[in-house]
Protein backbone atom coordinates (compact mmCIF):
# COMPACT_ATOMS: atom_id res chain seq x y z
CA MET A 1 32.67 -5.97 -4.02
CA SER A 2 35.71 -8.30 -5.04
CA ALA A 3 38.91 -6.97 -6.77
CA ASP A 4 37.48 -8.37 -9.94
CA ARG A 5 34.16 -6.62 -10.74
CA HIS A 6 33.00 -9.07 -13.36
CA ALA A 7 34.12 -12.57 -11.48
CA VAL A 8 30.83 -14.42 -11.05
CA LEU A 9 30.99 -15.26 -7.43
CA SER A 10 30.95 -11.15 -6.58
CA THR A 11 28.44 -9.25 -5.45
CA SER A 12 27.64 -5.43 -4.55
CA GLU A 13 26.14 -3.13 -2.00
CA GLY A 14 22.98 -1.25 -3.17
CA LEU A 15 23.08 2.26 -4.63
CA ASN A 16 20.51 2.91 -1.70
CA ARG A 17 21.39 2.01 1.78
CA ALA A 18 19.26 4.52 3.85
CA ALA A 19 15.62 3.38 4.74
CA PHE A 20 13.61 2.37 1.42
CA THR A 21 11.89 5.41 -0.20
CA PRO A 22 8.45 5.19 -1.61
CA LEU A 23 9.66 4.01 -4.85
CA ASP A 24 11.49 0.69 -2.75
CA TRP A 25 8.49 0.09 -1.25
CA ALA A 26 6.11 0.30 -4.37
CA LEU A 27 8.57 -2.16 -6.10
CA PHE A 28 8.69 -4.35 -2.83
CA LEU A 29 5.29 -4.55 -2.50
CA SER A 30 4.66 -5.39 -6.47
CA VAL A 31 7.14 -8.08 -6.77
CA SER A 32 5.15 -9.85 -3.69
CA LEU A 33 1.84 -9.38 -4.62
CA ILE A 34 3.00 -10.58 -8.43
CA TRP A 35 4.93 -13.14 -6.93
CA GLY A 36 2.95 -14.85 -4.39
CA SER A 37 -0.18 -15.20 -6.44
CA SER A 38 2.42 -17.23 -8.87
CA PHE A 39 1.96 -20.22 -6.75
CA LEU A 40 -2.09 -20.02 -7.66
CA LEU A 41 -1.58 -19.53 -10.80
CA MET A 42 1.13 -22.79 -11.50
CA ASP A 43 -1.28 -24.66 -9.05
CA ILE A 44 -4.43 -24.20 -11.54
CA GLY A 45 -1.85 -24.81 -14.53
CA LEU A 46 -1.50 -28.11 -13.20
CA ASP A 47 -4.88 -28.67 -13.86
CA ALA A 48 -3.87 -29.27 -17.59
CA PHE A 49 -0.50 -29.05 -17.82
CA ALA A 50 3.00 -31.15 -17.26
CA PRO A 51 5.69 -29.42 -15.08
CA GLY A 52 7.87 -29.45 -17.78
CA VAL A 53 5.58 -27.61 -20.15
CA ILE A 54 4.45 -24.61 -17.40
CA THR A 55 8.13 -24.37 -16.60
CA TRP A 56 8.81 -23.37 -20.29
CA LEU A 57 5.44 -21.79 -20.66
CA ARG A 58 6.21 -19.24 -17.92
CA VAL A 59 10.45 -19.10 -19.03
CA ALA A 60 9.37 -18.25 -22.89
CA LEU A 61 6.32 -15.66 -22.67
CA GLY A 62 8.26 -13.72 -19.82
CA ALA A 63 11.17 -13.86 -22.33
CA ALA A 64 9.24 -12.84 -25.56
CA VAL A 65 7.31 -10.05 -23.81
CA LEU A 66 10.85 -8.60 -22.44
CA ASN A 67 12.68 -8.86 -26.19
CA LEU A 68 10.14 -6.50 -27.60
CA SER A 69 11.43 -3.51 -26.01
CA PRO A 70 14.07 -1.89 -27.93
CA ARG A 71 15.56 -1.30 -24.07
CA ALA A 72 16.48 -4.90 -24.09
CA ARG A 73 18.53 -4.39 -27.16
CA VAL A 74 21.86 -3.24 -25.09
CA LYS A 75 24.45 -5.39 -25.29
CA ILE A 76 26.17 -7.19 -22.69
CA ALA A 77 30.41 -6.89 -22.51
CA THR A 78 31.98 -10.05 -23.05
CA ALA A 79 33.45 -10.46 -19.58
CA ASP A 80 29.95 -10.60 -17.96
CA ARG A 81 28.38 -12.97 -20.48
CA LEU A 82 29.66 -15.96 -18.06
CA ARG A 83 27.45 -14.40 -15.14
CA LEU A 84 24.32 -14.14 -17.60
CA VAL A 85 24.90 -17.68 -18.04
CA VAL A 86 24.76 -18.78 -14.31
CA LEU A 87 21.72 -16.31 -13.90
CA SER A 88 19.86 -18.27 -16.42
CA PHE A 89 20.28 -21.53 -14.83
CA VAL A 90 20.21 -20.39 -10.59
CA TRP A 91 17.56 -17.75 -11.10
CA VAL A 92 15.02 -19.20 -13.84
CA ALA A 93 16.02 -22.67 -15.21
CA ILE A 94 16.42 -24.86 -12.03
CA PRO A 95 13.99 -23.39 -9.55
CA PHE A 96 11.14 -22.62 -12.34
CA THR A 97 12.01 -26.51 -13.02
CA LEU A 98 11.57 -27.29 -9.31
CA PHE A 99 8.67 -25.32 -7.88
CA PRO A 100 6.19 -27.09 -10.12
CA LEU A 101 7.72 -30.65 -9.22
CA ALA A 102 7.24 -29.38 -5.66
CA GLN A 103 3.70 -28.78 -5.97
CA GLN A 104 2.96 -32.16 -6.95
CA HIS A 105 3.95 -33.37 -3.56
CA ILE A 106 2.62 -30.48 -0.87
CA ASP A 107 -0.22 -27.28 -1.93
CA SER A 108 0.82 -23.67 -3.42
CA ALA A 109 0.50 -22.18 -0.06
CA VAL A 110 3.18 -24.52 1.66
CA ALA A 111 5.08 -23.44 -1.20
CA GLY A 112 4.96 -20.01 -1.43
CA MET A 113 5.91 -19.97 2.57
CA LEU A 114 8.70 -21.93 2.15
CA ASN A 115 10.12 -19.41 -0.66
CA GLY A 116 10.18 -17.02 2.46
CA ALA A 117 13.73 -18.51 3.46
CA MET A 118 14.94 -16.50 0.53
CA PRO A 119 16.53 -13.81 2.71
CA LEU A 120 18.34 -16.16 4.97
CA PHE A 121 20.18 -17.94 1.65
CA ALA A 122 20.65 -14.04 -0.12
CA GLY A 123 22.06 -12.45 3.43
CA THR A 124 24.19 -15.82 4.04
CA VAL A 125 25.41 -15.84 0.61
CA ALA A 126 26.23 -12.45 0.54
CA ALA A 127 27.73 -11.54 3.73
CA LEU A 128 30.39 -14.23 2.03
CA MET A 129 30.83 -12.20 -1.25
CA LEU A 130 30.78 -8.88 0.82
CA ARG A 131 33.16 -10.72 3.45
CA ARG A 132 30.76 -8.53 5.83
CA LEU A 133 27.92 -9.77 8.43
CA PRO A 134 24.41 -7.63 7.65
CA ARG A 135 23.82 -4.86 9.77
CA ARG A 136 22.25 -5.36 13.00
CA PRO A 137 18.30 -4.87 12.12
CA GLN A 138 18.81 -7.05 9.04
CA LEU A 139 20.56 -9.50 11.15
CA ALA A 140 17.76 -9.51 13.48
CA GLY A 141 15.52 -10.10 10.33
CA LEU A 142 17.37 -12.92 9.16
CA VAL A 143 16.84 -14.66 12.68
CA VAL A 144 13.47 -13.44 12.88
CA GLY A 145 12.67 -15.07 9.15
CA PHE A 146 14.50 -18.10 9.94
CA ALA A 147 12.16 -18.97 13.36
CA GLY A 148 9.23 -17.98 10.48
CA VAL A 149 10.38 -20.85 7.92
CA VAL A 150 11.23 -23.45 10.33
CA ALA A 151 7.47 -22.81 11.65
CA ILE A 152 5.86 -23.18 8.76
CA SER A 153 7.84 -26.18 7.32
CA LEU A 154 7.98 -28.39 10.32
CA PRO A 155 4.12 -29.43 10.18
CA THR A 156 4.44 -30.31 6.38
CA VAL A 157 7.77 -31.92 6.93
CA GLY A 158 6.10 -34.49 9.34
CA GLU A 159 3.17 -35.30 7.08
CA GLY A 160 5.32 -38.16 5.23
CA PRO A 161 8.43 -38.54 2.88
CA SER A 162 6.30 -37.25 0.06
CA GLU A 163 5.94 -33.94 1.63
CA ALA A 164 9.30 -34.00 2.81
CA LEU A 165 10.41 -34.23 -0.61
CA GLY A 166 7.99 -31.18 -2.07
CA VAL A 167 9.90 -28.91 0.89
CA VAL A 168 13.42 -30.44 0.17
CA LEU A 169 12.87 -29.27 -3.71
CA VAL A 170 11.39 -25.64 -2.42
CA LEU A 171 14.06 -25.12 -0.53
CA VAL A 172 16.86 -25.72 -3.35
CA ALA A 173 15.00 -23.78 -5.30
CA THR A 174 15.23 -21.04 -2.89
CA LEU A 175 18.87 -21.45 -2.47
CA CYS A 176 19.33 -20.52 -6.19
CA TYR A 177 17.28 -17.90 -5.80
CA GLY A 178 19.85 -16.55 -2.89
CA PHE A 179 22.79 -16.84 -5.10
CA ALA A 180 21.37 -15.31 -8.45
CA VAL A 181 20.25 -11.95 -6.26
CA ASN A 182 23.50 -11.36 -5.37
CA ILE A 183 25.44 -12.72 -8.68
CA ALA A 184 22.59 -9.80 -10.50
CA ALA A 185 23.23 -6.70 -8.46
CA PRO A 186 26.34 -5.57 -10.04
CA VAL A 187 25.28 -6.45 -13.38
CA GLN A 188 21.57 -4.37 -13.27
CA GLN A 189 24.06 -1.62 -11.84
CA ARG A 190 26.04 -1.99 -15.00
CA TYR A 191 23.42 -2.31 -17.75
CA GLY A 192 19.60 -1.89 -16.22
CA SER A 193 16.98 -4.35 -15.58
CA MET A 194 15.23 -4.58 -19.02
CA PRO A 195 18.63 -5.92 -21.34
CA LEU A 196 19.82 -8.08 -18.27
CA MET A 197 16.53 -10.22 -17.49
CA ALA A 198 15.73 -10.39 -21.26
CA LYS A 199 18.51 -12.26 -22.67
CA MET A 200 18.92 -14.45 -19.23
CA LEU A 201 15.02 -15.34 -19.40
CA ALA A 202 15.80 -15.96 -23.37
CA LEU A 203 18.82 -18.45 -22.28
CA ALA A 204 16.56 -19.86 -19.64
CA ALA A 205 13.96 -20.54 -22.39
CA VAL A 206 16.47 -22.66 -24.57
CA TRP A 207 17.63 -24.41 -21.34
CA THR A 208 14.01 -25.66 -20.11
CA ALA A 209 13.09 -26.70 -23.78
CA PRO A 210 13.98 -30.16 -23.41
CA PHE A 211 12.37 -30.67 -20.44
CA ALA A 212 8.73 -29.39 -21.64
CA VAL A 213 9.74 -31.61 -24.60
CA VAL A 214 9.71 -34.65 -22.65
CA ASP A 215 6.67 -33.79 -20.63
CA LEU A 216 4.52 -32.40 -23.69
CA GLY A 217 3.22 -36.21 -24.11
CA GLU A 218 2.08 -35.94 -20.58
CA SER A 219 -0.31 -32.57 -21.30
CA GLY A 220 -3.61 -31.87 -22.31
CA PHE A 221 -4.91 -28.48 -23.22
CA ALA A 222 -7.60 -25.91 -20.89
CA TRP A 223 -7.94 -21.98 -21.55
CA GLY A 224 -8.26 -21.70 -17.74
CA PRO A 225 -4.83 -23.46 -16.50
CA PHE A 226 -3.22 -21.88 -20.09
CA VAL A 227 -4.55 -18.10 -19.17
CA ALA A 228 -3.28 -18.81 -15.47
CA ILE A 229 0.14 -19.39 -17.17
CA ALA A 230 -0.11 -16.99 -19.52
CA ILE A 231 -0.31 -14.89 -16.98
CA ALA A 232 2.39 -15.97 -14.53
CA GLY A 233 4.57 -15.95 -17.48
CA VAL A 234 4.01 -12.38 -18.71
CA VAL A 235 3.69 -10.62 -15.41
CA GLY A 236 5.18 -13.31 -12.85
CA THR A 237 8.11 -14.12 -14.85
CA GLY A 238 8.58 -11.10 -17.89
CA ILE A 239 7.21 -8.16 -15.85
CA ALA A 240 8.21 -9.30 -12.00
CA PHE A 241 11.60 -9.91 -12.61
CA VAL A 242 12.77 -6.32 -14.14
CA ILE A 243 10.76 -5.32 -11.21
CA MET A 244 13.31 -7.36 -9.00
CA ALA A 245 16.25 -6.41 -10.45
CA THR A 246 15.80 -2.98 -10.01
CA LEU A 247 15.09 -3.34 -6.33
CA VAL A 248 18.07 -5.65 -6.29
CA GLY A 249 19.99 -2.81 -7.48
CA ARG A 250 18.47 -0.09 -5.90
CA VAL A 251 18.81 -1.53 -2.05
CA GLY A 252 21.25 -4.36 -2.45
CA SER A 253 20.47 -8.47 -2.56
CA THR A 254 19.63 -8.98 1.32
CA ARG A 255 17.32 -6.39 1.13
CA ALA A 256 15.35 -6.99 -1.76
CA SER A 257 15.28 -10.67 -1.16
CA PHE A 258 13.15 -9.85 1.81
CA ILE A 259 10.21 -9.01 -0.05
CA THR A 260 9.70 -13.34 -0.27
CA TYR A 261 8.94 -12.71 3.57
CA LEU A 262 5.67 -11.36 2.02
CA ILE A 263 4.92 -13.45 -0.50
CA PRO A 264 4.05 -16.33 1.67
CA VAL A 265 0.85 -14.01 2.90
CA VAL A 266 -0.14 -13.35 -0.60
CA ALA A 267 0.54 -17.80 -1.44
CA LEU A 268 -1.54 -18.34 1.89
CA ALA A 269 -4.40 -16.13 1.65
CA LEU A 270 -4.87 -17.24 -2.22
CA GLY A 271 -4.79 -20.98 -1.46
CA VAL A 272 -6.73 -20.51 0.86
CA VAL A 273 -9.53 -19.03 -0.75
CA PHE A 274 -9.31 -20.39 -4.24
CA ARG A 275 -7.67 -23.87 -3.42
CA GLY A 276 -9.33 -24.82 -0.28
CA ASP A 277 -5.49 -25.41 1.07
CA ARG A 278 -5.34 -26.03 4.66
CA VAL A 279 -2.64 -23.99 6.98
CA THR A 280 -1.84 -25.01 10.72
CA SER A 281 -1.77 -22.69 13.49
CA LEU A 282 1.92 -23.26 13.84
CA ALA A 283 2.32 -21.95 9.73
CA LEU A 284 0.43 -18.98 10.88
CA VAL A 285 2.32 -17.83 13.47
CA GLY A 286 5.39 -18.46 11.12
CA VAL A 287 3.46 -16.21 8.60
CA ALA A 288 3.57 -13.22 11.19
CA LEU A 289 7.05 -14.05 11.80
CA VAL A 290 8.56 -13.38 8.18
CA ILE A 291 6.67 -10.24 8.29
CA VAL A 292 8.36 -8.53 11.44
CA GLY A 293 11.35 -9.68 9.61
CA ALA A 294 10.37 -7.97 6.34
CA ILE A 295 9.56 -5.01 8.25
CA LEU A 296 13.30 -5.08 10.22
CA ALA A 297 15.28 -5.57 6.34
CA SER A 298 13.95 -2.21 5.57
CA ARG A 299 16.02 0.00 7.80
CA ARG A 300 18.71 1.54 6.96
CA ASP A 301 22.20 -0.84 6.43
CA VAL A 302 24.82 1.84 6.82
């Protein structure tokens, strides 16, 4: 970590740098399943709600469920409040706004698979902040994962400018996540996951509200899409963010970010089964590569 422990652009090592424990794997797989299903839930939500309304509902519901807990009332020191504000933008407000917009151009399976680029960005940002490269297994995982992301994205980019825009929006959102997990690591270790996530989501609900107001006139209402977004908010935003922050504090930002290498598998399966999404053979090869990357990431980081 940098000399100034409160500097926004600084991170910290994970508390467990050995191989993943059973608890680490449980956290890892839980977030993968929850966030992998979120792409399908957002796709269902788009049947009735405009992107801005979906974003705000997810964030506001997640913030509400976390702030009901007494554990969320720990005070954040003044020196860390700027980091908290930055996190509310790069981990929530910006990417949560971009993903529904992207899914107007590409389907949920492709959006979920492209999200697998997160470890590449998280590893690069961590290397710059910590001034050291990832260890060999993690570096190998990054390389294999990058090959997988390229395999996933190429068929969609080649379909036309609209699809290419969707890919770009997802990658920008994923780059934000790469910064976010690094910025969050030291704050999670100081205060715990619940206070950090509850306050961060509350701030993000404020930042995303204007977009919701603008899109309200283009939205309708249907119970199916509303229930889907409610689940994405309470479970996929509130609960999953607490789990993810805990994992980041335990195993470090780079290794925790490899959960996104399993998210494409979940998003692919659900998108194909429930929405009739089509996936190319090359994209399936990409999914296999990112799973190998996740396995490599779980090994010792010392």
